[in-house]
Amino acid sequence: MSRVINICMKISLFELAYRFLYPALRRRIVEILHKDFKLNQLKIAELLHITQSAVSRYLHMNRGAILDLSRFPDIEQVMQKLAKKIVNEEPNEYLIHQEFTRILLKALGKGYICSFHKKIDKEVDPSLCRTCINLFRDFI
């Protein structure tokens, strides 16, 4: 019985995605819109259907700053493309959420946050787990 307890995750992949990965995606898109597209906080908030206060927290690294997704070139490329789409097409909040979720699943499927998961949950062994990779590899 103790073996089962030792390999169980305290922090599920869904909690990991909700608490860390999704905010990191939002922070990155806010950064891109602000730095690359030179948009102010109010315009970014309007385009992303979030508050100006949330935009400020993302820019000041008070939210979504634990994971740096810009270090993954393929995720960065998709984020750049999404930012351009947001600026040019101004999609509704549901389409933006759909795109964030698609990118989130891609990051999970590639195992990009396995080492981070290990840092916050010492009982996770990425070499044994492979849950995200097995479940979400079709989103790559």
Protein backbone atom coordinates (compact mmCIF):
# COMPACT_ATOMS: atom_id res chain seq x y z
CA MET A 1 0.00 0.00 0.00
CA SER A 2 2.81 2.47 0.74
CA ARG A 3 4.11 2.09 -2.82
CA VAL A 4 0.81 3.42 -4.19
CA ILE A 5 1.00 6.40 -1.89
CA ASN A 6 4.58 7.14 -2.96
CA ILE A 7 3.78 7.32 -6.66
CA CYS A 8 0.50 9.26 -6.44
CA MET A 9 0.66 12.86 -7.52
CA LYS A 10 -0.34 15.45 -4.94
CA ILE A 11 -0.77 18.03 -7.68
CA SER A 12 -2.74 16.71 -10.62
CA LEU A 13 -1.93 17.63 -14.18
CA PHE A 14 -5.19 19.57 -14.39
CA GLU A 15 -4.32 21.61 -11.32
CA LEU A 16 -0.86 22.17 -12.76
CA ALA A 17 -2.36 23.36 -16.03
CA TYR A 18 -4.93 25.61 -14.34
CA ARG A 19 -2.68 27.14 -11.69
CA PHE A 20 0.57 27.49 -13.62
CA LEU A 21 0.46 26.78 -17.35
CA TYR A 22 -2.67 28.71 -18.37
CA PRO A 23 -1.57 31.87 -16.50
CA ALA A 24 1.89 31.54 -18.09
CA LEU A 25 0.25 31.44 -21.54
CA ARG A 26 -1.77 34.54 -20.74
CA ARG A 27 1.28 36.34 -19.41
CA ARG A 28 3.26 35.51 -22.54
CA ILE A 29 0.53 36.72 -24.89
CA VAL A 30 0.25 39.95 -22.87
CA GLU A 31 4.03 40.43 -23.16
CA ILE A 32 3.95 39.88 -26.90
CA LEU A 33 1.05 42.28 -27.40
CA HIS A 34 2.74 44.89 -25.25
CA LYS A 35 6.34 44.60 -26.48
CA ASP A 36 5.99 43.47 -30.09
CA PHE A 37 2.72 45.13 -31.03
CA LYS A 38 3.23 48.20 -28.79
CA LEU A 39 -0.30 47.99 -27.37
CA ASN A 40 -1.20 49.68 -24.11
CA GLN A 41 -2.69 47.84 -21.16
CA LEU A 42 -6.24 48.99 -21.85
CA LYS A 43 -6.17 47.78 -25.46
CA ILE A 44 -4.64 44.45 -24.43
CA ALA A 45 -7.35 44.00 -21.79
CA GLU A 46 -10.01 44.75 -24.38
CA LEU A 47 -8.58 42.31 -26.93
CA LEU A 48 -8.12 39.49 -24.39
CA HIS A 49 -11.43 40.12 -22.60
CA ILE A 50 -9.70 40.53 -19.24
CA THR A 51 -9.29 43.46 -16.86
CA GLN A 52 -6.62 46.12 -17.20
CA SER A 53 -5.57 45.17 -13.67
CA ALA A 54 -4.92 41.59 -14.80
CA VAL A 55 -2.83 42.88 -17.71
CA SER A 56 -0.80 44.98 -15.29
CA ARG A 57 -0.19 41.97 -13.02
CA TYR A 58 1.00 39.91 -16.00
CA LEU A 59 3.36 42.66 -17.16
CA HIS A 60 4.78 43.20 -13.68
CA MET A 61 5.37 39.45 -13.28
CA ASN A 62 2.86 39.20 -10.42
CA ARG A 63 0.86 36.57 -12.27
CA GLY A 64 1.87 33.70 -14.53
CA ALA A 65 5.58 34.30 -14.04
CA ILE A 66 6.62 30.94 -12.63
CA LEU A 67 6.83 29.24 -16.03
CA ASP A 68 8.78 30.80 -18.88
CA LEU A 69 7.22 29.43 -22.05
CA SER A 70 9.31 31.60 -24.35
CA ARG A 71 12.14 29.05 -24.00
CA PHE A 72 10.18 26.57 -26.13
CA PRO A 73 10.56 27.76 -29.75
CA ASP A 74 7.54 25.88 -31.08
CA ILE A 75 5.27 27.25 -28.34
CA GLU A 76 6.71 30.73 -28.86
CA GLN A 77 5.99 30.50 -32.59
CA VAL A 78 2.36 29.53 -31.94
CA MET A 79 2.03 32.33 -29.38
CA GLN A 80 3.38 34.88 -31.87
CA LYS A 81 0.89 33.66 -34.47
CA LEU A 82 -1.95 33.86 -31.95
CA ALA A 83 -0.98 37.40 -30.96
CA LYS A 84 -1.10 38.46 -34.60
CA LYS A 85 -4.52 36.83 -34.97
CA ILE A 86 -5.80 38.59 -31.86
CA VAL A 87 -4.65 41.97 -33.14
CA ASN A 88 -5.94 41.48 -36.69
CA GLU A 89 -9.17 39.59 -36.09
CA GLU A 90 -10.15 40.47 -32.50
CA PRO A 91 -11.65 37.04 -31.78
CA ASN A 92 -14.17 36.57 -28.99
CA GLU A 93 -13.12 35.32 -25.57
CA TYR A 94 -14.22 31.75 -26.35
CA LEU A 95 -11.98 31.47 -29.39
CA ILE A 96 -9.06 32.89 -27.43
CA HIS A 97 -9.67 30.38 -24.64
CA GLN A 98 -9.85 27.61 -27.24
CA GLU A 99 -6.48 28.65 -28.67
CA PHE A 100 -4.89 28.87 -25.22
CA THR A 101 -6.21 25.41 -24.43
CA ARG A 102 -4.85 24.03 -27.70
CA ILE A 103 -1.40 25.47 -26.90
CA LEU A 104 -1.63 24.20 -23.32
CA LEU A 105 -2.36 20.68 -24.54
CA LYS A 106 0.54 20.88 -26.97
CA ALA A 107 2.91 21.90 -24.15
CA LEU A 108 1.63 19.05 -21.99
CA GLY A 109 1.90 16.56 -24.85
CA LYS A 110 5.53 17.49 -25.42
CA GLY A 111 6.35 17.06 -21.74
CA TYR A 112 7.50 20.66 -21.40
CA ILE A 113 6.32 21.05 -17.83
CA CYS A 114 7.30 17.65 -16.44
CA SER A 115 10.44 19.00 -14.76
CA PHE A 116 8.43 21.87 -13.28
CA HIS A 117 5.85 19.38 -12.01
CA LYS A 118 8.69 17.51 -10.31
CA LYS A 119 9.89 20.72 -8.64
CA ILE A 120 6.53 21.46 -7.06
CA ASP A 121 5.59 17.85 -6.31
CA LYS A 122 8.61 15.82 -5.20
CA GLU A 123 6.68 12.56 -5.58
CA VAL A 124 6.40 12.94 -9.34
CA ASP A 125 8.95 10.99 -11.35
CA PRO A 126 8.76 12.22 -14.97
CA SER A 127 10.60 9.15 -16.24
CA LEU A 128 7.83 6.92 -14.87
CA CYS A 129 4.83 9.19 -15.18
CA ARG A 130 4.55 10.22 -18.85
CA THR A 131 0.84 10.84 -18.24
CA CYS A 132 0.70 14.14 -20.11
CA ILE A 133 2.83 12.86 -22.98
CA ASN A 134 0.66 9.78 -23.39
CA LEU A 135 -2.64 11.61 -23.06
CA PHE A 136 -1.89 14.73 -25.08
CA ARG A 137 0.71 13.74 -27.69
CA ASP A 138 -1.99 13.90 -30.39
CA PHE A 139 -2.14 17.68 -29.85
CA ILE A 140 1.45 18.18 -30.97
